[in-house]
mmCIF file of all heavy atoms, coordinates in Angstrom:
data_MODEL
# 
_entry.id   MODEL 
# 
loop_
_atom_site.group_PDB 
_atom_site.id 
_atom_site.type_symbol 
_atom_site.label_atom_id 
_atom_site.label_alt_id 
_atom_site.label_comp_id 
_atom_site.label_asym_id 
_atom_site.label_entity_id 
_atom_site.label_seq_id 
_atom_site.pdbx_PDB_ins_code 
_atom_site.Cartn_x 
_atom_site.Cartn_y 
_atom_site.Cartn_z 
_atom_site.occupancy 
_atom_site.B_iso_or_equiv 
_atom_site.pdbx_formal_charge 
_atom_site.auth_seq_id 
_atom_site.auth_comp_id 
_atom_site.auth_asym_id 
_atom_site.auth_atom_id 
_atom_site.pdbx_PDB_model_num 
ATOM 1   N N   . LYS A 1 1  ? 16.342  11.938  6.319   1.00 0.00 ? 1  LYS A N   1 
ATOM 2   C CA  . LYS A 1 1  ? 16.355  11.088  5.127   1.00 0.00 ? 1  LYS A CA  1 
ATOM 3   C C   . LYS A 1 1  ? 15.760  9.723   5.450   1.00 0.00 ? 1  LYS A C   1 
ATOM 4   O O   . LYS A 1 1  ? 14.952  9.186   4.691   1.00 0.00 ? 1  LYS A O   1 
ATOM 5   C CB  . LYS A 1 1  ? 17.786  10.941  4.609   1.00 0.00 ? 1  LYS A CB  1 
ATOM 6   C CG  . LYS A 1 1  ? 17.902  10.069  3.377   1.00 0.00 ? 1  LYS A CG  1 
ATOM 7   C CD  . LYS A 1 1  ? 19.349  9.926   2.943   1.00 0.00 ? 1  LYS A CD  1 
ATOM 8   C CE  . LYS A 1 1  ? 19.446  8.927   1.798   1.00 0.00 ? 1  LYS A CE  1 
ATOM 9   N NZ  . LYS A 1 1  ? 20.811  8.541   1.520   1.00 0.00 ? 1  LYS A NZ  1 
ATOM 10  N N   . GLU A 1 2  ? 16.165  9.140   6.574   1.00 0.00 ? 2  GLU A N   1 
ATOM 11  C CA  . GLU A 1 2  ? 15.636  7.838   6.989   1.00 0.00 ? 2  GLU A CA  1 
ATOM 12  C C   . GLU A 1 2  ? 14.127  7.901   7.194   1.00 0.00 ? 2  GLU A C   1 
ATOM 13  O O   . GLU A 1 2  ? 13.392  6.996   6.785   1.00 0.00 ? 2  GLU A O   1 
ATOM 14  C CB  . GLU A 1 2  ? 16.320  7.375   8.273   1.00 0.00 ? 2  GLU A CB  1 
ATOM 15  C CG  . GLU A 1 2  ? 17.754  6.947   8.086   1.00 0.00 ? 2  GLU A CG  1 
ATOM 16  C CD  . GLU A 1 2  ? 18.456  6.671   9.419   1.00 0.00 ? 2  GLU A CD  1 
ATOM 17  O OE1 . GLU A 1 2  ? 17.782  6.553   10.465  1.00 0.00 ? 2  GLU A OE1 1 
ATOM 18  O OE2 . GLU A 1 2  ? 19.697  6.570   9.405   1.00 0.00 ? 2  GLU A OE2 1 
ATOM 19  N N   . THR A 1 3  ? 13.662  8.961   7.834   1.00 0.00 ? 3  THR A N   1 
ATOM 20  C CA  . THR A 1 3  ? 12.235  9.138   8.070   1.00 0.00 ? 3  THR A CA  1 
ATOM 21  C C   . THR A 1 3  ? 11.484  9.260   6.750   1.00 0.00 ? 3  THR A C   1 
ATOM 22  O O   . THR A 1 3  ? 10.422  8.656   6.562   1.00 0.00 ? 3  THR A O   1 
ATOM 23  C CB  . THR A 1 3  ? 11.986  10.375  8.954   1.00 0.00 ? 3  THR A CB  1 
ATOM 24  O OG1 . THR A 1 3  ? 12.683  10.206  10.195  1.00 0.00 ? 3  THR A OG1 1 
ATOM 25  C CG2 . THR A 1 3  ? 10.510  10.570  9.226   1.00 0.00 ? 3  THR A CG2 1 
ATOM 26  N N   . PHE A 1 4  ? 12.031  10.036  5.833   1.00 0.00 ? 4  PHE A N   1 
ATOM 27  C CA  . PHE A 1 4  ? 11.411  10.212  4.521   1.00 0.00 ? 4  PHE A CA  1 
ATOM 28  C C   . PHE A 1 4  ? 11.325  8.882   3.780   1.00 0.00 ? 4  PHE A C   1 
ATOM 29  O O   . PHE A 1 4  ? 10.280  8.525   3.231   1.00 0.00 ? 4  PHE A O   1 
ATOM 30  C CB  . PHE A 1 4  ? 12.217  11.237  3.709   1.00 0.00 ? 4  PHE A CB  1 
ATOM 31  C CG  . PHE A 1 4  ? 11.699  11.444  2.322   1.00 0.00 ? 4  PHE A CG  1 
ATOM 32  C CD1 . PHE A 1 4  ? 10.528  12.157  2.099   1.00 0.00 ? 4  PHE A CD1 1 
ATOM 33  C CD2 . PHE A 1 4  ? 12.377  10.925  1.232   1.00 0.00 ? 4  PHE A CD2 1 
ATOM 34  C CE1 . PHE A 1 4  ? 10.042  12.348  0.815   1.00 0.00 ? 4  PHE A CE1 1 
ATOM 35  C CE2 . PHE A 1 4  ? 11.906  11.115  -0.055  1.00 0.00 ? 4  PHE A CE2 1 
ATOM 36  C CZ  . PHE A 1 4  ? 10.730  11.824  -0.265  1.00 0.00 ? 4  PHE A CZ  1 
ATOM 37  N N   . GLU A 1 5  ? 12.416  8.125   3.770   1.00 0.00 ? 5  GLU A N   1 
ATOM 38  C CA  . GLU A 1 5  ? 12.438  6.829   3.079   1.00 0.00 ? 5  GLU A CA  1 
ATOM 39  C C   . GLU A 1 5  ? 11.465  5.841   3.721   1.00 0.00 ? 5  GLU A C   1 
ATOM 40  O O   . GLU A 1 5  ? 10.787  5.077   3.032   1.00 0.00 ? 5  GLU A O   1 
ATOM 41  C CB  . GLU A 1 5  ? 13.856  6.266   3.053   1.00 0.00 ? 5  GLU A CB  1 
ATOM 42  C CG  . GLU A 1 5  ? 14.774  7.031   2.114   1.00 0.00 ? 5  GLU A CG  1 
ATOM 43  C CD  . GLU A 1 5  ? 16.235  6.614   2.212   1.00 0.00 ? 5  GLU A CD  1 
ATOM 44  O OE1 . GLU A 1 5  ? 16.593  5.840   3.128   1.00 0.00 ? 5  GLU A OE1 1 
ATOM 45  O OE2 . GLU A 1 5  ? 17.023  7.080   1.362   1.00 0.00 ? 5  GLU A OE2 1 
ATOM 46  N N   . LYS A 1 6  ? 11.395  5.864   5.016   1.00 0.00 ? 6  LYS A N   1 
ATOM 47  C CA  . LYS A 1 6  ? 10.463  4.981   5.721   1.00 0.00 ? 6  LYS A CA  1 
ATOM 48  C C   . LYS A 1 6  ? 9.019   5.365   5.390   1.00 0.00 ? 6  LYS A C   1 
ATOM 49  O O   . LYS A 1 6  ? 8.165   4.506   5.188   1.00 0.00 ? 6  LYS A O   1 
ATOM 50  C CB  . LYS A 1 6  ? 10.698  5.057   7.227   1.00 0.00 ? 6  LYS A CB  1 
ATOM 51  C CG  . LYS A 1 6  ? 9.889   4.061   8.014   1.00 0.00 ? 6  LYS A CG  1 
ATOM 52  C CD  . LYS A 1 6  ? 10.257  4.079   9.480   1.00 0.00 ? 6  LYS A CD  1 
ATOM 53  C CE  . LYS A 1 6  ? 9.474   3.038   10.224  1.00 0.00 ? 6  LYS A CE  1 
ATOM 54  N NZ  . LYS A 1 6  ? 9.785   3.019   11.640  1.00 0.00 ? 6  LYS A NZ  1 
ATOM 55  N N   . GLY A 1 7  ? 8.752   6.659   5.305   1.00 0.00 ? 7  GLY A N   1 
ATOM 56  C CA  . GLY A 1 7  ? 7.422   7.123   4.936   1.00 0.00 ? 7  GLY A CA  1 
ATOM 57  C C   . GLY A 1 7  ? 7.029   6.683   3.533   1.00 0.00 ? 7  GLY A C   1 
ATOM 58  O O   . GLY A 1 7  ? 5.900   6.245   3.301   1.00 0.00 ? 7  GLY A O   1 
ATOM 59  N N   . LEU A 1 8  ? 7.965   6.781   2.596   1.00 0.00 ? 8  LEU A N   1 
ATOM 60  C CA  . LEU A 1 8  ? 7.692   6.327   1.226   1.00 0.00 ? 8  LEU A CA  1 
ATOM 61  C C   . LEU A 1 8  ? 7.399   4.831   1.186   1.00 0.00 ? 8  LEU A C   1 
ATOM 62  O O   . LEU A 1 8  ? 6.485   4.379   0.491   1.00 0.00 ? 8  LEU A O   1 
ATOM 63  C CB  . LEU A 1 8  ? 8.860   6.652   0.300   1.00 0.00 ? 8  LEU A CB  1 
ATOM 64  C CG  . LEU A 1 8  ? 9.013   8.108   -0.122  1.00 0.00 ? 8  LEU A CG  1 
ATOM 65  C CD1 . LEU A 1 8  ? 10.250  8.266   -1.001  1.00 0.00 ? 8  LEU A CD1 1 
ATOM 66  C CD2 . LEU A 1 8  ? 7.780   8.600   -0.857  1.00 0.00 ? 8  LEU A CD2 1 
ATOM 67  N N   . ALA A 1 9  ? 8.177   4.059   1.937   1.00 0.00 ? 9  ALA A N   1 
ATOM 68  C CA  . ALA A 1 9  ? 7.955   2.611   1.990   1.00 0.00 ? 9  ALA A CA  1 
ATOM 69  C C   . ALA A 1 9  ? 6.585   2.298   2.594   1.00 0.00 ? 9  ALA A C   1 
ATOM 70  O O   . ALA A 1 9  ? 5.863   1.418   2.108   1.00 0.00 ? 9  ALA A O   1 
ATOM 71  C CB  . ALA A 1 9  ? 9.060   1.935   2.797   1.00 0.00 ? 9  ALA A CB  1 
ATOM 72  N N   . SER A 1 10 ? 6.206   3.039   3.608   1.00 0.00 ? 10 SER A N   1 
ATOM 73  C CA  . SER A 1 10 ? 4.899   2.834   4.238   1.00 0.00 ? 10 SER A CA  1 
ATOM 74  C C   . SER A 1 10 ? 3.763   3.186   3.287   1.00 0.00 ? 10 SER A C   1 
ATOM 75  O O   . SER A 1 10 ? 2.749   2.485   3.223   1.00 0.00 ? 10 SER A O   1 
ATOM 76  C CB  . SER A 1 10 ? 4.777   3.662   5.517   1.00 0.00 ? 10 SER A CB  1 
ATOM 77  O OG  . SER A 1 10 ? 5.707   3.226   6.478   1.00 0.00 ? 10 SER A OG  1 
ATOM 78  N N   . LEU A 1 11 ? 3.921   4.272   2.542   1.00 0.00 ? 11 LEU A N   1 
ATOM 79  C CA  . LEU A 1 11 ? 2.894   4.647   1.571   1.00 0.00 ? 11 LEU A CA  1 
ATOM 80  C C   . LEU A 1 11 ? 2.754   3.592   0.474   1.00 0.00 ? 11 LEU A C   1 
ATOM 81  O O   . LEU A 1 11 ? 1.642   3.284   0.044   1.00 0.00 ? 11 LEU A O   1 
ATOM 82  C CB  . LEU A 1 11 ? 3.212   6.007   0.955   1.00 0.00 ? 11 LEU A CB  1 
ATOM 83  C CG  . LEU A 1 11 ? 3.036   7.207   1.874   1.00 0.00 ? 11 LEU A CG  1 
ATOM 84  C CD1 . LEU A 1 11 ? 3.517   8.481   1.187   1.00 0.00 ? 11 LEU A CD1 1 
ATOM 85  C CD2 . LEU A 1 11 ? 1.575   7.351   2.299   1.00 0.00 ? 11 LEU A CD2 1 
ATOM 86  N N   . THR A 1 12 ? 3.862   3.032   0.050   1.00 0.00 ? 12 THR A N   1 
ATOM 87  C CA  . THR A 1 12 ? 3.817   1.955   -0.946  1.00 0.00 ? 12 THR A CA  1 
ATOM 88  C C   . THR A 1 12 ? 3.057   0.762   -0.383  1.00 0.00 ? 12 THR A C   1 
ATOM 89  O O   . THR A 1 12 ? 2.199   0.178   -1.055  1.00 0.00 ? 12 THR A O   1 
ATOM 90  C CB  . THR A 1 12 ? 5.247   1.545   -1.348  1.00 0.00 ? 12 THR A CB  1 
ATOM 91  O OG1 . THR A 1 12 ? 5.913   2.675   -1.895  1.00 0.00 ? 12 THR A OG1 1 
ATOM 92  C CG2 . THR A 1 12 ? 5.240   0.411   -2.354  1.00 0.00 ? 12 THR A CG2 1 
ATOM 93  N N   . GLU A 1 13 ? 3.347   0.425   0.858   1.00 0.00 ? 13 GLU A N   1 
ATOM 94  C CA  . GLU A 1 13 ? 2.658   -0.694  1.506   1.00 0.00 ? 13 GLU A CA  1 
ATOM 95  C C   . GLU A 1 13 ? 1.160   -0.419  1.633   1.00 0.00 ? 13 GLU A C   1 
ATOM 96  O O   . GLU A 1 13 ? 0.340   -1.302  1.383   1.00 0.00 ? 13 GLU A O   1 
ATOM 97  C CB  . GLU A 1 13 ? 3.267   -0.937  2.888   1.00 0.00 ? 13 GLU A CB  1 
ATOM 98  C CG  . GLU A 1 13 ? 2.684   -2.128  3.613   1.00 0.00 ? 13 GLU A CG  1 
ATOM 99  C CD  . GLU A 1 13 ? 3.302   -2.326  4.993   1.00 0.00 ? 13 GLU A CD  1 
ATOM 100 O OE1 . GLU A 1 13 ? 4.457   -1.927  5.201   1.00 0.00 ? 13 GLU A OE1 1 
ATOM 101 O OE2 . GLU A 1 13 ? 2.612   -2.886  5.851   1.00 0.00 ? 13 GLU A OE2 1 
ATOM 102 N N   . LEU A 1 14 ? 0.795   0.802   1.997   1.00 0.00 ? 14 LEU A N   1 
ATOM 103 C CA  . LEU A 1 14 ? -0.627  1.153   2.090   1.00 0.00 ? 14 LEU A CA  1 
ATOM 104 C C   . LEU A 1 14 ? -1.317  1.014   0.729   1.00 0.00 ? 14 LEU A C   1 
ATOM 105 O O   . LEU A 1 14 ? -2.431  0.512   0.628   1.00 0.00 ? 14 LEU A O   1 
ATOM 106 C CB  . LEU A 1 14 ? -0.801  2.584   2.602   1.00 0.00 ? 14 LEU A CB  1 
ATOM 107 C CG  . LEU A 1 14 ? -0.580  2.815   4.080   1.00 0.00 ? 14 LEU A CG  1 
ATOM 108 C CD1 . LEU A 1 14 ? -0.720  4.299   4.409   1.00 0.00 ? 14 LEU A CD1 1 
ATOM 109 C CD2 . LEU A 1 14 ? -1.556  2.002   4.911   1.00 0.00 ? 14 LEU A CD2 1 
ATOM 110 N N   . GLY A 1 15 ? -0.641  1.487   -0.305  1.00 0.00 ? 15 GLY A N   1 
ATOM 111 C CA  . GLY A 1 15 ? -1.204  1.386   -1.647  1.00 0.00 ? 15 GLY A CA  1 
ATOM 112 C C   . GLY A 1 15 ? -1.424  -0.059  -2.053  1.00 0.00 ? 15 GLY A C   1 
ATOM 113 O O   . GLY A 1 15 ? -2.453  -0.405  -2.639  1.00 0.00 ? 15 GLY A O   1 
ATOM 114 N N   . GLU A 1 16 ? -0.461  -0.913  -1.738  1.00 0.00 ? 16 GLU A N   1 
ATOM 115 C CA  . GLU A 1 16 ? -0.583  -2.331  -2.062  1.00 0.00 ? 16 GLU A CA  1 
ATOM 116 C C   . GLU A 1 16 ? -1.717  -2.984  -1.274  1.00 0.00 ? 16 GLU A C   1 
ATOM 117 O O   . GLU A 1 16 ? -2.445  -3.823  -1.796  1.00 0.00 ? 16 GLU A O   1 
ATOM 118 C CB  . GLU A 1 16 ? 0.743   -3.044  -1.797  1.00 0.00 ? 16 GLU A CB  1 
ATOM 119 C CG  . GLU A 1 16 ? 1.827   -2.665  -2.790  1.00 0.00 ? 16 GLU A CG  1 
ATOM 120 C CD  . GLU A 1 16 ? 3.219   -3.140  -2.384  1.00 0.00 ? 16 GLU A CD  1 
ATOM 121 O OE1 . GLU A 1 16 ? 3.380   -3.700  -1.278  1.00 0.00 ? 16 GLU A OE1 1 
ATOM 122 O OE2 . GLU A 1 16 ? 4.147   -2.944  -3.192  1.00 0.00 ? 16 GLU A OE2 1 
ATOM 123 N N   . THR A 1 17 ? -1.880  -2.598  -0.017  1.00 0.00 ? 17 THR A N   1 
ATOM 124 C CA  . THR A 1 17 ? -2.966  -3.145  0.809   1.00 0.00 ? 17 THR A CA  1 
ATOM 125 C C   . THR A 1 17 ? -4.322  -2.732  0.257   1.00 0.00 ? 17 THR A C   1 
ATOM 126 O O   . THR A 1 17 ? -5.238  -3.555  0.164   1.00 0.00 ? 17 THR A O   1 
ATOM 127 C CB  . THR A 1 17 ? -2.819  -2.671  2.270   1.00 0.00 ? 17 THR A CB  1 
ATOM 128 O OG1 . THR A 1 17 ? -1.545  -3.103  2.767   1.00 0.00 ? 17 THR A OG1 1 
ATOM 129 C CG2 . THR A 1 17 ? -3.914  -3.241  3.154   1.00 0.00 ? 17 THR A CG2 1 
ATOM 130 N N   . ALA A 1 18 ? -4.458  -1.467  -0.122  1.00 0.00 ? 18 ALA A N   1 
ATOM 131 C CA  . ALA A 1 18 ? -5.715  -0.999  -0.697  1.00 0.00 ? 18 ALA A CA  1 
ATOM 132 C C   . ALA A 1 18 ? -5.990  -1.699  -2.027  1.00 0.00 ? 18 ALA A C   1 
ATOM 133 O O   . ALA A 1 18 ? -7.132  -2.099  -2.307  1.00 0.00 ? 18 ALA A O   1 
ATOM 134 C CB  . ALA A 1 18 ? -5.681  0.515   -0.893  1.00 0.00 ? 18 ALA A CB  1 
ATOM 135 N N   . GLN A 1 19 ? -4.970  -1.869  -2.837  1.00 0.00 ? 19 GLN A N   1 
ATOM 136 C CA  . GLN A 1 19 ? -5.141  -2.546  -4.123  1.00 0.00 ? 19 GLN A CA  1 
ATOM 137 C C   . GLN A 1 19 ? -5.579  -3.994  -3.904  1.00 0.00 ? 19 GLN A C   1 
ATOM 138 O O   . GLN A 1 19 ? -6.446  -4.503  -4.611  1.00 0.00 ? 19 GLN A O   1 
ATOM 139 C CB  . GLN A 1 19 ? -3.844  -2.499  -4.926  1.00 0.00 ? 19 GLN A CB  1 
ATOM 140 C CG  . GLN A 1 19 ? -3.977  -3.140  -6.296  1.00 0.00 ? 19 GLN A CG  1 
ATOM 141 C CD  . GLN A 1 19 ? -2.689  -3.051  -7.097  1.00 0.00 ? 19 GLN A CD  1 
ATOM 142 O OE1 . GLN A 1 19 ? -1.636  -2.707  -6.582  1.00 0.00 ? 19 GLN A OE1 1 
ATOM 143 N NE2 . GLN A 1 19 ? -2.780  -3.380  -8.373  1.00 0.00 ? 19 GLN A NE2 1 
ATOM 144 N N   . LYS A 1 20 ? -4.998  -4.645  -2.917  1.00 0.00 ? 20 LYS A N   1 
ATOM 145 C CA  . LYS A 1 20 ? -5.364  -6.031  -2.605  1.00 0.00 ? 20 LYS A CA  1 
ATOM 146 C C   . LYS A 1 20 ? -6.832  -6.107  -2.189  1.00 0.00 ? 20 LYS A C   1 
ATOM 147 O O   . LYS A 1 20 ? -7.567  -6.997  -2.624  1.00 0.00 ? 20 LYS A O   1 
ATOM 148 C CB  . LYS A 1 20 ? -4.464  -6.571  -1.495  1.00 0.00 ? 20 LYS A CB  1 
ATOM 149 C CG  . LYS A 1 20 ? -4.775  -7.994  -1.100  1.00 0.00 ? 20 LYS A CG  1 
ATOM 150 C CD  . LYS A 1 20 ? -3.885  -8.456  0.048   1.00 0.00 ? 20 LYS A CD  1 
ATOM 151 C CE  . LYS A 1 20 ? -4.357  -9.817  0.540   1.00 0.00 ? 20 LYS A CE  1 
ATOM 152 N NZ  . LYS A 1 20 ? -3.801  -10.157 1.834   1.00 0.00 ? 20 LYS A NZ  1 
ATOM 153 N N   . ALA A 1 21 ? -7.280  -5.173  -1.359  1.00 0.00 ? 21 ALA A N   1 
ATOM 154 C CA  . ALA A 1 21 ? -8.681  -5.157  -0.918  1.00 0.00 ? 21 ALA A CA  1 
ATOM 155 C C   . ALA A 1 21 ? -9.611  -4.957  -2.110  1.00 0.00 ? 21 ALA A C   1 
ATOM 156 O O   . ALA A 1 21 ? -10.636 -5.637  -2.231  1.00 0.00 ? 21 ALA A O   1 
ATOM 157 C CB  . ALA A 1 21 ? -8.900  -4.053  0.123   1.00 0.00 ? 21 ALA A CB  1 
ATOM 158 N N   . ASN A 1 22 ? -9.260  -4.034  -2.984  1.00 0.00 ? 22 ASN A N   1 
ATOM 159 C CA  . ASN A 1 22 ? -10.079 -3.783  -4.170  1.00 0.00 ? 22 ASN A CA  1 
ATOM 160 C C   . ASN A 1 22 ? -10.116 -4.993  -5.088  1.00 0.00 ? 22 ASN A C   1 
ATOM 161 O O   . ASN A 1 22 ? -11.175 -5.350  -5.621  1.00 0.00 ? 22 ASN A O   1 
ATOM 162 C CB  . ASN A 1 22 ? -9.555  -2.574  -4.944  1.00 0.00 ? 22 ASN A CB  1 
ATOM 163 C CG  . ASN A 1 22 ? -9.832  -1.278  -4.228  1.00 0.00 ? 22 ASN A CG  1 
ATOM 164 O OD1 . ASN A 1 22 ? -10.741 -1.173  -3.432  1.00 0.00 ? 22 ASN A OD1 1 
ATOM 165 N ND2 . ASN A 1 22 ? -9.027  -0.274  -4.508  1.00 0.00 ? 22 ASN A ND2 1 
ATOM 166 N N   . THR A 1 23 ? -8.970  -5.618  -5.295  1.00 0.00 ? 23 THR A N   1 
ATOM 167 C CA  . THR A 1 23 ? -8.890  -6.774  -6.181  1.00 0.00 ? 23 THR A CA  1 
ATOM 168 C C   . THR A 1 23 ? -9.709  -7.933  -5.634  1.00 0.00 ? 23 THR A C   1 
ATOM 169 O O   . THR A 1 23 ? -10.436 -8.597  -6.378  1.00 0.00 ? 23 THR A O   1 
ATOM 170 C CB  . THR A 1 23 ? -7.409  -7.201  -6.371  1.00 0.00 ? 23 THR A CB  1 
ATOM 171 O OG1 . THR A 1 23 ? -6.701  -6.105  -6.938  1.00 0.00 ? 23 THR A OG1 1 
ATOM 172 C CG2 . THR A 1 23 ? -7.286  -8.417  -7.255  1.00 0.00 ? 23 THR A CG2 1 
ATOM 173 N N   . GLU A 1 24 ? -9.620  -8.161  -4.335  1.00 0.00 ? 24 GLU A N   1 
ATOM 174 C CA  . GLU A 1 24 ? -10.380 -9.245  -3.718  1.00 0.00 ? 24 GLU A CA  1 
ATOM 175 C C   . GLU A 1 24 ? -11.883 -9.003  -3.845  1.00 0.00 ? 24 GLU A C   1 
ATOM 176 O O   . GLU A 1 24 ? -12.634 -9.913  -4.211  1.00 0.00 ? 24 GLU A O   1 
ATOM 177 C CB  . GLU A 1 24 ? -9.983  -9.387  -2.245  1.00 0.00 ? 24 GLU A CB  1 
ATOM 178 C CG  . GLU A 1 24 ? -10.565 -10.601 -1.573  1.00 0.00 ? 24 GLU A CG  1 
ATOM 179 C CD  . GLU A 1 24 ? -10.079 -10.773 -0.136  1.00 0.00 ? 24 GLU A CD  1 
ATOM 180 O OE1 . GLU A 1 24 ? -9.013  -10.254 0.205   1.00 0.00 ? 24 GLU A OE1 1 
ATOM 181 O OE2 . GLU A 1 24 ? -10.790 -11.443 0.635   1.00 0.00 ? 24 GLU A OE2 1 
ATOM 182 N N   . ALA A 1 25 ? -12.320 -7.794  -3.571  1.00 0.00 ? 25 ALA A N   1 
ATOM 183 C CA  . ALA A 1 25 ? -13.743 -7.468  -3.690  1.00 0.00 ? 25 ALA A CA  1 
ATOM 184 C C   . ALA A 1 25 ? -14.194 -7.594  -5.142  1.00 0.00 ? 25 ALA A C   1 
ATOM 185 O O   . ALA A 1 25 ? -15.271 -8.143  -5.427  1.00 0.00 ? 25 ALA A O   1 
ATOM 186 C CB  . ALA A 1 25 ? -14.004 -6.055  -3.170  1.00 0.00 ? 25 ALA A CB  1 
ATOM 187 N N   . PHE A 1 26 ? -13.394 -7.097  -6.064  1.00 0.00 ? 26 PHE A N   1 
ATOM 188 C CA  . PHE A 1 26 ? -13.743 -7.182  -7.489  1.00 0.00 ? 26 PHE A CA  1 
ATOM 189 C C   . PHE A 1 26 ? -13.841 -8.638  -7.938  1.00 0.00 ? 26 PHE A C   1 
ATOM 190 O O   . PHE A 1 26 ? -14.760 -9.003  -8.676  1.00 0.00 ? 26 PHE A O   1 
ATOM 191 C CB  . PHE A 1 26 ? -12.699 -6.440  -8.341  1.00 0.00 ? 26 PHE A CB  1 
ATOM 192 C CG  . PHE A 1 26 ? -12.912 -6.623  -9.812  1.00 0.00 ? 26 PHE A CG  1 
ATOM 193 C CD1 . PHE A 1 26 ? -13.886 -5.900  -10.479 1.00 0.00 ? 26 PHE A CD1 1 
ATOM 194 C CD2 . PHE A 1 26 ? -12.152 -7.538  -10.524 1.00 0.00 ? 26 PHE A CD2 1 
ATOM 195 C CE1 . PHE A 1 26 ? -14.105 -6.081  -11.834 1.00 0.00 ? 26 PHE A CE1 1 
ATOM 196 C CE2 . PHE A 1 26 ? -12.362 -7.727  -11.877 1.00 0.00 ? 26 PHE A CE2 1 
ATOM 197 C CZ  . PHE A 1 26 ? -13.341 -7.003  -12.541 1.00 0.00 ? 26 PHE A CZ  1 
ATOM 198 N N   . GLU A 1 27 ? -12.918 -9.471  -7.507  1.00 0.00 ? 27 GLU A N   1 
ATOM 199 C CA  . GLU A 1 27 ? -12.918 -10.877 -7.923  1.00 0.00 ? 27 GLU A CA  1 
ATOM 200 C C   . GLU A 1 27 ? -14.171 -11.597 -7.424  1.00 0.00 ? 27 GLU A C   1 
ATOM 201 O O   . GLU A 1 27 ? -14.735 -12.424 -8.143  1.00 0.00 ? 27 GLU A O   1 
ATOM 202 C CB  . GLU A 1 27 ? -11.648 -11.574 -7.437  1.00 0.00 ? 27 GLU A CB  1 
ATOM 203 C CG  . GLU A 1 27 ? -11.511 -12.996 -7.908  1.00 0.00 ? 27 GLU A CG  1 
ATOM 204 C CD  . GLU A 1 27 ? -11.608 -13.183 -9.411  1.00 0.00 ? 27 GLU A CD  1 
ATOM 205 O OE1 . GLU A 1 27 ? -11.162 -12.307 -10.176 1.00 0.00 ? 27 GLU A OE1 1 
ATOM 206 O OE2 . GLU A 1 27 ? -12.144 -14.225 -9.850  1.00 0.00 ? 27 GLU A OE2 1 
ATOM 207 N N   . ILE A 1 28 ? -14.613 -11.290 -6.234  1.00 0.00 ? 28 ILE A N   1 
ATOM 208 C CA  . ILE A 1 28 ? -15.844 -11.890 -5.706  1.00 0.00 ? 28 ILE A CA  1 
ATOM 209 C C   . ILE A 1 28 ? -17.016 -11.517 -6.604  1.00 0.00 ? 28 ILE A C   1 
ATOM 210 O O   . ILE A 1 28 ? -17.816 -12.372 -7.004  1.00 0.00 ? 28 ILE A O   1 
ATOM 211 C CB  . ILE A 1 28 ? -16.106 -11.451 -4.249  1.00 0.00 ? 28 ILE A CB  1 
ATOM 212 C CG1 . ILE A 1 28 ? -15.062 -12.076 -3.318  1.00 0.00 ? 28 ILE A CG1 1 
ATOM 213 C CG2 . ILE A 1 28 ? -17.514 -11.826 -3.803  1.00 0.00 ? 28 ILE A CG2 1 
ATOM 214 C CD1 . ILE A 1 28 ? -15.045 -11.488 -1.909  1.00 0.00 ? 28 ILE A CD1 1 
# 
């Protein structure tokens, strides 16, 4: 359960990082 929850949190973080990269490039 802990591993699963940690994986979900990591995937959320990855999604946010990718979104940030896209937003920054788009804004430029």
